[in-house]
Amino acid sequence: MKAIGLTEFGGPEVLRVLDLPVPQAGPGEIRIRVHAATVNPVDTLVRRGIAFISDAEPPYVPGMDAAGVIEQIGEGTDTDLTVGDHVMAVAVVSGTHGAYAEHLVVPAESVVRVPTGVSAVEAATLPMNGLTARMALDMLHLPAGARRSRERPALSAATPSSWPRQTGSG
């Protein structure tokens, strides 16, 4: 498979097209044919060697957010997802395991269906940004069932769907 990766740390110029084996989904894992991936601030830190991601040997493939289609579900994986589903995922980058590749294997619990009407490009922007927003809301320690406006934060999110509400953020 083709991937974008690096063998040394630095600016964007260190990124190279790599030929890597297609990863296989093991138990509890899902392989996605990546249609879109994002460039996150963390990805740029990894590329520059500021935020190192693993003890794995190079090459390193960055990319924490991806959207695409399920190609393979590992044997014994407990999921309601099926091959062919349009999904988005968060990848914990480790060695050649990043979203800047044609195929990505991730734990099944890191994968969710793409909301109806959302493109792969739009969906790829949601996982890390959505998790960051959710973490910020969790840090507010709001009381369960808060109803008065002073107990509820304003939800200001430019999303193409009801995704924040579907994840409990809205």
N, C-alpha and C. Protein backbone atom coordinates (compact mmCIF):
# COMPACT_ATOMS: atom_id res chain seq x y z
N MET A 1 0.85 -1.18 0.00
CA MET A 1 0.00 0.00 0.00
C MET A 1 0.89 1.23 0.00
N LYS A 2 0.33 2.34 -0.44
CA LYS A 2 1.02 3.62 -0.39
C LYS A 2 0.68 4.31 0.93
N ALA A 3 1.67 5.01 1.46
CA ALA A 3 1.48 5.80 2.68
C ALA A 3 2.38 7.01 2.60
N ILE A 4 2.05 8.02 3.37
CA ILE A 4 2.92 9.19 3.52
C ILE A 4 3.57 9.06 4.88
N GLY A 5 4.88 9.06 4.91
CA GLY A 5 5.57 8.88 6.17
C GLY A 5 6.92 9.56 6.19
N LEU A 6 7.68 9.27 7.25
CA LEU A 6 8.98 9.90 7.42
C LEU A 6 9.95 8.93 8.05
N THR A 7 11.22 9.13 7.75
CA THR A 7 12.28 8.33 8.35
C THR A 7 13.18 9.20 9.22
N GLU A 8 12.99 10.50 9.15
CA GLU A 8 13.71 11.45 9.98
C GLU A 8 12.74 12.57 10.34
N PHE A 9 13.01 13.25 11.43
CA PHE A 9 12.13 14.32 11.88
C PHE A 9 12.50 15.64 11.22
N GLY A 10 11.48 16.51 11.06
CA GLY A 10 11.73 17.82 10.46
C GLY A 10 10.45 18.45 9.97
N GLY A 11 10.59 19.36 9.03
CA GLY A 11 9.45 20.06 8.44
C GLY A 11 8.74 19.18 7.43
N PRO A 12 7.79 19.77 6.70
CA PRO A 12 7.02 19.01 5.72
C PRO A 12 7.89 18.32 4.67
N GLU A 13 9.08 18.85 4.44
CA GLU A 13 9.96 18.28 3.42
C GLU A 13 10.44 16.87 3.75
N VAL A 14 10.31 16.41 5.00
CA VAL A 14 10.75 15.05 5.36
C VAL A 14 9.71 13.99 5.00
N LEU A 15 8.50 14.41 4.66
CA LEU A 15 7.45 13.46 4.29
C LEU A 15 7.75 12.84 2.93
N ARG A 16 7.55 11.53 2.85
CA ARG A 16 7.83 10.77 1.63
C ARG A 16 6.70 9.79 1.35
N VAL A 17 6.56 9.42 0.08
CA VAL A 17 5.64 8.34 -0.28
C VAL A 17 6.36 7.03 0.01
N LEU A 18 5.69 6.17 0.77
CA LEU A 18 6.26 4.88 1.17
C LEU A 18 5.43 3.74 0.59
N ASP A 19 6.07 2.62 0.33
CA ASP A 19 5.39 1.38 -0.02
C ASP A 19 5.48 0.46 1.19
N LEU A 20 4.33 0.12 1.76
CA LEU A 20 4.27 -0.71 2.97
C LEU A 20 3.31 -1.87 2.74
N PRO A 21 3.44 -2.95 3.51
CA PRO A 21 2.48 -4.04 3.39
C PRO A 21 1.09 -3.62 3.88
N VAL A 22 0.07 -4.18 3.28
CA VAL A 22 -1.30 -3.91 3.74
C VAL A 22 -1.48 -4.58 5.09
N PRO A 23 -1.87 -3.82 6.12
CA PRO A 23 -2.04 -4.42 7.45
C PRO A 23 -3.30 -5.28 7.49
N GLN A 24 -3.29 -6.28 8.34
CA GLN A 24 -4.44 -7.18 8.51
C GLN A 24 -5.08 -6.92 9.87
N ALA A 25 -6.40 -6.95 9.91
CA ALA A 25 -7.14 -6.76 11.16
C ALA A 25 -7.06 -8.04 11.98
N GLY A 26 -6.65 -7.90 13.23
CA GLY A 26 -6.64 -9.02 14.15
C GLY A 26 -7.88 -9.01 15.02
N PRO A 27 -7.96 -9.86 16.02
CA PRO A 27 -9.11 -9.87 16.92
C PRO A 27 -9.32 -8.50 17.56
N GLY A 28 -10.56 -8.02 17.53
CA GLY A 28 -10.89 -6.73 18.12
C GLY A 28 -10.54 -5.54 17.26
N GLU A 29 -10.12 -5.80 16.01
CA GLU A 29 -9.68 -4.71 15.14
C GLU A 29 -10.49 -4.63 13.85
N ILE A 30 -10.43 -3.45 13.24
CA ILE A 30 -11.11 -3.20 11.97
C ILE A 30 -10.12 -2.55 11.02
N ARG A 31 -10.11 -3.02 9.76
CA ARG A 31 -9.29 -2.37 8.73
C ARG A 31 -10.18 -1.48 7.88
N ILE A 32 -9.73 -0.26 7.71
CA ILE A 32 -10.46 0.75 6.94
C ILE A 32 -9.67 1.08 5.67
N ARG A 33 -10.37 1.16 4.55
CA ARG A 33 -9.79 1.73 3.33
C ARG A 33 -9.96 3.23 3.50
N VAL A 34 -8.87 3.95 3.68
CA VAL A 34 -8.91 5.37 4.00
C VAL A 34 -9.27 6.19 2.77
N HIS A 35 -10.31 7.00 2.90
CA HIS A 35 -10.71 7.92 1.83
C HIS A 35 -10.29 9.35 2.15
N ALA A 36 -10.11 9.66 3.44
CA ALA A 36 -9.70 11.01 3.86
C ALA A 36 -9.01 10.92 5.22
N ALA A 37 -8.00 11.76 5.40
CA ALA A 37 -7.30 11.87 6.68
C ALA A 37 -7.00 13.35 6.91
N THR A 38 -6.81 13.72 8.16
CA THR A 38 -6.56 15.12 8.47
C THR A 38 -5.11 15.34 8.87
N VAL A 39 -4.72 16.62 8.89
CA VAL A 39 -3.45 17.02 9.46
C VAL A 39 -3.79 17.74 10.76
N ASN A 40 -3.45 17.11 11.87
CA ASN A 40 -3.71 17.63 13.20
C ASN A 40 -2.48 18.35 13.73
N PRO A 41 -2.65 19.26 14.67
CA PRO A 41 -1.47 19.86 15.30
C PRO A 41 -0.53 18.81 15.89
N VAL A 42 -1.09 17.75 16.48
CA VAL A 42 -0.25 16.69 17.04
C VAL A 42 0.57 16.02 15.94
N ASP A 43 -0.01 15.84 14.76
CA ASP A 43 0.73 15.23 13.65
C ASP A 43 1.96 16.05 13.29
N THR A 44 1.84 17.37 13.31
CA THR A 44 2.99 18.21 12.99
C THR A 44 4.06 18.12 14.08
N LEU A 45 3.63 17.95 15.33
CA LEU A 45 4.60 17.78 16.43
C LEU A 45 5.33 16.45 16.31
N VAL A 46 4.60 15.41 15.93
CA VAL A 46 5.21 14.10 15.72
C VAL A 46 6.23 14.19 14.58
N ARG A 47 5.82 14.81 13.48
CA ARG A 47 6.71 14.94 12.32
C ARG A 47 8.00 15.68 12.69
N ARG A 48 7.89 16.66 13.57
CA ARG A 48 9.06 17.45 13.98
C ARG A 48 9.86 16.79 15.10
N GLY A 49 9.35 15.66 15.65
CA GLY A 49 10.06 14.96 16.70
C GLY A 49 9.82 15.53 18.08
N ILE A 50 8.88 16.45 18.21
CA ILE A 50 8.57 17.08 19.50
C ILE A 50 7.69 16.17 20.34
N ALA A 51 6.72 15.54 19.72
CA ALA A 51 5.85 14.59 20.40
C ALA A 51 6.14 13.23 19.78
N PHE A 52 6.98 12.45 20.41
CA PHE A 52 7.33 11.15 19.84
C PHE A 52 6.25 10.15 20.18
N ILE A 53 5.99 9.24 19.29
CA ILE A 53 4.81 8.40 19.38
C ILE A 53 5.03 6.96 19.79
N SER A 54 6.21 6.44 19.60
CA SER A 54 6.41 5.03 19.96
C SER A 54 7.90 4.71 19.96
N ASP A 55 8.19 3.50 20.40
CA ASP A 55 9.56 3.00 20.35
C ASP A 55 9.84 2.27 19.04
N ALA A 56 8.86 2.28 18.14
CA ALA A 56 9.00 1.58 16.86
C ALA A 56 10.11 2.23 16.03
N GLU A 57 10.69 1.43 15.18
CA GLU A 57 11.70 1.93 14.25
C GLU A 57 11.02 2.62 13.08
N PRO A 58 11.69 3.58 12.45
CA PRO A 58 11.11 4.23 11.27
C PRO A 58 10.92 3.20 10.15
N PRO A 59 10.06 3.47 9.21
CA PRO A 59 9.41 4.75 8.97
C PRO A 59 8.20 4.95 9.88
N TYR A 60 7.86 6.20 10.08
CA TYR A 60 6.68 6.57 10.87
C TYR A 60 5.62 7.12 9.93
N VAL A 61 4.39 6.71 10.14
CA VAL A 61 3.26 7.21 9.35
C VAL A 61 2.36 8.00 10.28
N PRO A 62 2.30 9.33 10.11
CA PRO A 62 1.43 10.14 10.97
C PRO A 62 -0.05 9.97 10.60
N GLY A 63 -0.87 10.70 11.32
CA GLY A 63 -2.30 10.74 11.04
C GLY A 63 -3.13 10.12 12.13
N MET A 64 -3.92 10.96 12.81
CA MET A 64 -4.75 10.48 13.92
C MET A 64 -6.22 10.36 13.56
N ASP A 65 -6.67 11.03 12.50
CA ASP A 65 -8.08 11.01 12.11
C ASP A 65 -8.22 10.45 10.71
N ALA A 66 -9.20 9.59 10.52
CA ALA A 66 -9.44 9.02 9.20
C ALA A 66 -10.93 8.77 8.99
N ALA A 67 -11.31 8.75 7.73
CA ALA A 67 -12.65 8.32 7.35
C ALA A 67 -12.51 7.47 6.10
N GLY A 68 -13.37 6.48 5.99
CA GLY A 68 -13.32 5.60 4.85
C GLY A 68 -14.36 4.51 4.95
N VAL A 69 -14.04 3.36 4.36
CA VAL A 69 -14.97 2.24 4.29
C VAL A 69 -14.32 1.01 4.93
N ILE A 70 -15.10 0.29 5.72
CA ILE A 70 -14.59 -0.93 6.35
C ILE A 70 -14.32 -1.99 5.29
N GLU A 71 -13.09 -2.51 5.29
CA GLU A 71 -12.68 -3.58 4.38
C GLU A 71 -12.63 -4.94 5.07
N GLN A 72 -12.26 -4.93 6.35
CA GLN A 72 -12.04 -6.20 7.04
C GLN A 72 -12.34 -6.00 8.52
N ILE A 73 -12.97 -7.00 9.11
CA ILE A 73 -13.22 -7.02 10.55
C ILE A 73 -12.52 -8.25 11.10
N GLY A 74 -11.67 -8.03 12.08
CA GLY A 74 -10.90 -9.13 12.66
C GLY A 74 -11.79 -10.19 13.27
N GLU A 75 -11.31 -11.42 13.22
CA GLU A 75 -12.05 -12.55 13.75
C GLU A 75 -12.40 -12.32 15.22
N GLY A 76 -13.66 -12.59 15.56
CA GLY A 76 -14.11 -12.48 16.95
C GLY A 76 -14.35 -11.06 17.42
N THR A 77 -14.29 -10.08 16.53
CA THR A 77 -14.49 -8.68 16.92
C THR A 77 -15.96 -8.44 17.23
N ASP A 78 -16.23 -7.89 18.40
CA ASP A 78 -17.60 -7.59 18.83
C ASP A 78 -17.97 -6.19 18.37
N THR A 79 -18.75 -6.11 17.28
CA THR A 79 -19.16 -4.82 16.72
C THR A 79 -20.44 -4.99 15.93
N ASP A 80 -21.21 -3.91 15.82
CA ASP A 80 -22.39 -3.93 14.96
C ASP A 80 -22.06 -3.36 13.58
N LEU A 81 -20.81 -2.99 13.37
CA LEU A 81 -20.36 -2.49 12.07
C LEU A 81 -20.15 -3.67 11.13
N THR A 82 -20.26 -3.40 9.81
CA THR A 82 -20.07 -4.46 8.83
C THR A 82 -19.16 -3.97 7.70
N VAL A 83 -18.60 -4.92 6.97
CA VAL A 83 -17.78 -4.59 5.81
C VAL A 83 -18.63 -3.75 4.87
N GLY A 84 -18.05 -2.65 4.38
CA GLY A 84 -18.76 -1.75 3.48
C GLY A 84 -19.32 -0.52 4.17
N ASP A 85 -19.39 -0.52 5.50
CA ASP A 85 -19.89 0.66 6.22
C ASP A 85 -18.94 1.83 6.05
N HIS A 86 -19.52 3.03 5.90
CA HIS A 86 -18.74 4.27 5.88
C HIS A 86 -18.51 4.68 7.33
N VAL A 87 -17.23 4.83 7.69
CA VAL A 87 -16.88 5.06 9.09
C VAL A 87 -15.82 6.15 9.23
N MET A 88 -15.67 6.61 10.47
CA MET A 88 -14.56 7.50 10.83
C MET A 88 -13.89 6.89 12.05
N ALA A 89 -12.61 7.21 12.23
CA ALA A 89 -11.85 6.57 13.31
C ALA A 89 -10.75 7.47 13.83
N VAL A 90 -10.36 7.19 15.07
CA VAL A 90 -9.19 7.81 15.68
C VAL A 90 -8.10 6.74 15.70
N ALA A 91 -6.93 7.10 15.23
CA ALA A 91 -5.79 6.18 15.24
C ALA A 91 -4.76 6.67 16.24
N VAL A 92 -4.32 5.79 17.10
CA VAL A 92 -3.19 6.10 17.97
C VAL A 92 -1.96 5.73 17.16
N VAL A 93 -1.23 6.74 16.74
CA VAL A 93 -0.11 6.54 15.83
C VAL A 93 1.01 5.77 16.52
N SER A 94 1.49 4.74 15.85
CA SER A 94 2.59 3.93 16.37
C SER A 94 3.34 3.34 15.19
N GLY A 95 4.54 3.80 14.95
CA GLY A 95 5.32 3.30 13.82
C GLY A 95 4.63 3.57 12.50
N THR A 96 4.39 2.51 11.73
CA THR A 96 3.74 2.67 10.42
C THR A 96 2.22 2.70 10.54
N HIS A 97 1.73 2.76 11.76
CA HIS A 97 0.29 2.72 12.00
C HIS A 97 -0.26 4.14 12.16
N GLY A 98 -0.58 4.78 11.04
CA GLY A 98 -1.17 6.11 11.07
C GLY A 98 -2.14 6.26 9.91
N ALA A 99 -2.91 7.33 9.94
CA ALA A 99 -3.99 7.51 8.96
C ALA A 99 -3.52 8.01 7.60
N TYR A 100 -2.27 8.41 7.46
CA TYR A 100 -1.78 8.87 6.16
C TYR A 100 -1.41 7.67 5.29
N ALA A 101 -2.31 6.73 5.18
CA ALA A 101 -2.06 5.50 4.43
C ALA A 101 -3.35 5.06 3.73
N GLU A 102 -3.21 4.20 2.75
CA GLU A 102 -4.38 3.70 2.03
C GLU A 102 -5.24 2.80 2.90
N HIS A 103 -4.62 2.12 3.86
CA HIS A 103 -5.34 1.20 4.75
C HIS A 103 -4.91 1.49 6.17
N LEU A 104 -5.84 1.37 7.10
CA LEU A 104 -5.57 1.64 8.51
C LEU A 104 -6.27 0.59 9.36
N VAL A 105 -5.55 -0.01 10.28
CA VAL A 105 -6.14 -0.95 11.23
C VAL A 105 -6.21 -0.27 12.59
N VAL A 106 -7.40 -0.29 13.19
CA VAL A 106 -7.62 0.34 14.49
C VAL A 106 -8.48 -0.57 15.36
N PRO A 107 -8.44 -0.37 16.68
CA PRO A 107 -9.35 -1.12 17.55
C PRO A 107 -10.80 -0.80 17.18
N ALA A 108 -11.66 -1.79 17.26
CA ALA A 108 -13.07 -1.60 16.89
C ALA A 108 -13.72 -0.47 17.67
N GLU A 109 -13.32 -0.28 18.93
CA GLU A 109 -13.94 0.78 19.73
C GLU A 109 -13.50 2.18 19.30
N SER A 110 -12.56 2.28 18.37
CA SER A 110 -12.12 3.57 17.84
C SER A 110 -12.85 3.96 16.56
N VAL A 111 -13.84 3.17 16.16
CA VAL A 111 -14.52 3.34 14.88
C VAL A 111 -16.01 3.57 15.09
N VAL A 112 -16.57 4.56 14.39
CA VAL A 112 -18.02 4.80 14.40
C VAL A 112 -18.49 5.08 12.98
N ARG A 113 -19.78 4.84 12.75
CA ARG A 113 -20.36 5.15 11.44
C ARG A 113 -20.33 6.66 11.18
N VAL A 114 -20.17 7.00 9.92
CA VAL A 114 -20.26 8.40 9.51
C VAL A 114 -21.73 8.78 9.47
N PRO A 115 -22.10 9.92 10.06
CA PRO A 115 -23.50 10.35 10.00
C PRO A 115 -23.98 10.51 8.56
N THR A 116 -25.24 10.24 8.33
CA THR A 116 -25.84 10.37 7.01
C THR A 116 -25.63 11.77 6.46
N GLY A 117 -25.24 11.85 5.20
CA GLY A 117 -25.07 13.14 4.54
C GLY A 117 -23.72 13.80 4.76
N VAL A 118 -22.82 13.12 5.45
CA VAL A 118 -21.50 13.69 5.73
C VAL A 118 -20.47 13.00 4.83
N SER A 119 -19.68 13.79 4.12
CA SER A 119 -18.67 13.22 3.23
C SER A 119 -17.49 12.68 4.04
N ALA A 120 -16.65 11.89 3.39
CA ALA A 120 -15.45 11.37 4.06
C ALA A 120 -14.53 12.50 4.49
N VAL A 121 -14.40 13.51 3.66
CA VAL A 121 -13.54 14.66 4.01
C VAL A 121 -14.08 15.35 5.26
N GLU A 122 -15.38 15.57 5.31
CA GLU A 122 -15.98 16.20 6.50
C GLU A 122 -15.83 15.29 7.72
N ALA A 123 -16.10 14.01 7.54
CA ALA A 123 -16.06 13.06 8.66
C ALA A 123 -14.66 12.94 9.25
N ALA A 124 -13.63 13.03 8.42
CA ALA A 124 -12.26 12.89 8.92
C ALA A 124 -11.89 14.02 9.88
N THR A 125 -12.60 15.13 9.82
CA THR A 125 -12.29 16.25 10.72
C THR A 125 -12.96 16.09 12.08
N LEU A 126 -13.84 15.13 12.23
CA LEU A 126 -14.64 15.03 13.45
C LEU A 126 -14.00 14.29 14.62
N PRO A 127 -13.32 13.16 14.43
CA PRO A 127 -12.90 12.38 15.60
C PRO A 127 -12.08 13.15 16.64
N MET A 128 -10.92 13.65 16.29
CA MET A 128 -10.07 14.30 17.29
C MET A 128 -10.68 15.61 17.77
N ASN A 129 -11.25 16.39 16.85
CA ASN A 129 -11.89 17.64 17.26
C ASN A 129 -13.09 17.38 18.16
N GLY A 130 -13.87 16.37 17.81
CA GLY A 130 -15.02 16.03 18.65
C GLY A 130 -14.62 15.53 20.02
N LEU A 131 -13.58 14.70 20.07
CA LEU A 131 -13.10 14.20 21.36
C LEU A 131 -12.54 15.33 22.21
N THR A 132 -11.86 16.28 21.57
CA THR A 132 -11.34 17.44 22.30
C THR A 132 -12.48 18.26 22.88
N ALA A 133 -13.53 18.49 22.08
CA ALA A 133 -14.69 19.23 22.57
C ALA A 133 -15.36 18.48 23.71
N ARG A 134 -15.51 17.17 23.55
CA ARG A 134 -16.14 16.36 24.60
C ARG A 134 -15.32 16.41 25.89
N MET A 135 -14.00 16.34 25.78
CA MET A 135 -13.15 16.41 26.96
C MET A 135 -13.30 17.76 27.66
N ALA A 136 -13.39 18.85 26.87
CA ALA A 136 -13.58 20.18 27.46
C ALA A 136 -14.91 20.24 28.22
N LEU A 137 -15.95 19.66 27.64
CA LEU A 137 -17.24 19.65 28.32
C LEU A 137 -17.18 18.80 29.59
N ASP A 138 -16.52 17.66 29.52
CA ASP A 138 -16.37 16.81 30.71
C ASP A 138 -15.63 17.54 31.82
N MET A 139 -14.66 18.36 31.46
CA MET A 139 -13.87 19.09 32.46
C MET A 139 -14.69 20.18 33.16
N LEU A 140 -15.83 20.54 32.58
CA LEU A 140 -16.71 21.54 33.21
C LEU A 140 -17.47 20.95 34.39
N HIS A 141 -17.52 19.62 34.50
CA HIS A 141 -18.21 18.93 35.60
C HIS A 141 -19.65 19.45 35.76
N LEU A 142 -20.38 19.49 34.67
CA LEU A 142 -21.76 19.95 34.71
C LEU A 142 -22.62 18.92 35.42
N PRO A 143 -23.60 19.37 36.20
CA PRO A 143 -24.49 18.41 36.86
C PRO A 143 -25.34 17.68 35.83
N ALA A 144 -25.59 16.41 36.08
CA ALA A 144 -26.43 15.61 35.18
C ALA A 144 -27.81 16.24 35.08
N GLY A 145 -28.33 16.33 33.88
CA GLY A 145 -29.68 16.85 33.67
C GLY A 145 -29.79 18.35 33.82
N ALA A 146 -28.70 19.09 33.78
CA ALA A 146 -28.76 20.55 33.93
C ALA A 146 -29.71 21.12 32.90
N ARG A 147 -30.64 21.97 33.34
CA ARG A 147 -31.66 22.53 32.45
C ARG A 147 -31.60 24.05 32.35
N ARG A 148 -31.18 24.72 33.37
CA ARG A 148 -31.13 26.18 33.32
C ARG A 148 -29.95 26.62 32.48
N SER A 149 -30.10 27.72 31.77
CA SER A 149 -29.06 28.16 30.85
C SER A 149 -27.73 28.41 31.55
N ARG A 150 -27.75 28.85 32.81
CA ARG A 150 -26.47 29.11 33.48
C ARG A 150 -25.76 27.81 33.85
N GLU A 151 -26.44 26.67 33.76
CA GLU A 151 -25.82 25.38 34.05
C GLU A 151 -25.39 24.64 32.79
N ARG A 152 -25.71 25.20 31.63
CA ARG A 152 -25.38 24.52 30.38
C ARG A 152 -24.48 25.42 29.54
N PRO A 153 -23.44 24.86 28.98
CA PRO A 153 -22.58 25.67 28.11
C PRO A 153 -23.27 25.91 26.77
N ALA A 154 -22.86 26.96 26.10
CA ALA A 154 -23.33 27.18 24.75
C ALA A 154 -22.59 26.21 23.84
N LEU A 155 -23.32 25.55 22.96
CA LEU A 155 -22.68 24.64 22.01
C LEU A 155 -22.49 25.41 20.72
N SER A 156 -21.26 25.69 20.42
CA SER A 156 -20.94 26.42 19.20
C SER A 156 -20.01 25.55 18.38
N ALA A 157 -20.58 24.79 17.48
CA ALA A 157 -19.76 23.88 16.68
C ALA A 157 -20.23 23.93 15.24
N ALA A 158 -19.33 24.21 14.36
CA ALA A 158 -19.66 24.23 12.94
C ALA A 158 -19.46 22.83 12.39
N THR A 159 -20.52 22.05 12.45
CA THR A 159 -20.45 20.68 11.93
C THR A 159 -21.52 20.50 10.87
N PRO A 160 -21.29 19.57 9.95
CA PRO A 160 -22.24 19.36 8.88
C PRO A 160 -23.42 18.49 9.27
N SER A 161 -23.55 18.18 10.55
CA SER A 161 -24.62 17.27 10.94
C SER A 161 -24.92 17.41 12.42
N SER A 162 -25.66 16.45 12.91
CA SER A 162 -25.99 16.42 14.34
C SER A 162 -24.96 15.60 15.11
N TRP A 163 -23.75 15.45 14.58
CA TRP A 163 -22.75 14.60 15.20
C TRP A 163 -22.46 14.96 16.65
N PRO A 164 -22.32 16.26 17.03
CA PRO A 164 -22.07 16.54 18.45
C PRO A 164 -23.19 16.00 19.34
N ARG A 165 -24.43 16.10 18.89
CA ARG A 165 -25.53 15.60 19.69
C ARG A 165 -25.50 14.07 19.75
N GLN A 166 -25.15 13.42 18.64
CA GLN A 166 -25.09 11.96 18.60
C GLN A 166 -24.05 11.41 19.57
N THR A 167 -23.00 12.17 19.80
CA THR A 167 -21.94 11.71 20.70
C THR A 167 -22.14 12.19 22.12
N GLY A 168 -23.22 12.91 22.36
CA GLY A 168 -23.49 13.39 23.71
C GLY A 168 -22.85 14.73 24.01
N SER A 169 -22.25 15.36 23.01
CA SER A 169 -21.60 16.65 23.24
C SER A 169 -22.56 17.81 23.12
N GLY A 170 -23.72 17.58 22.53
CA GLY A 170 -24.63 18.69 22.27
C GLY A 170 -25.92 18.57 23.01
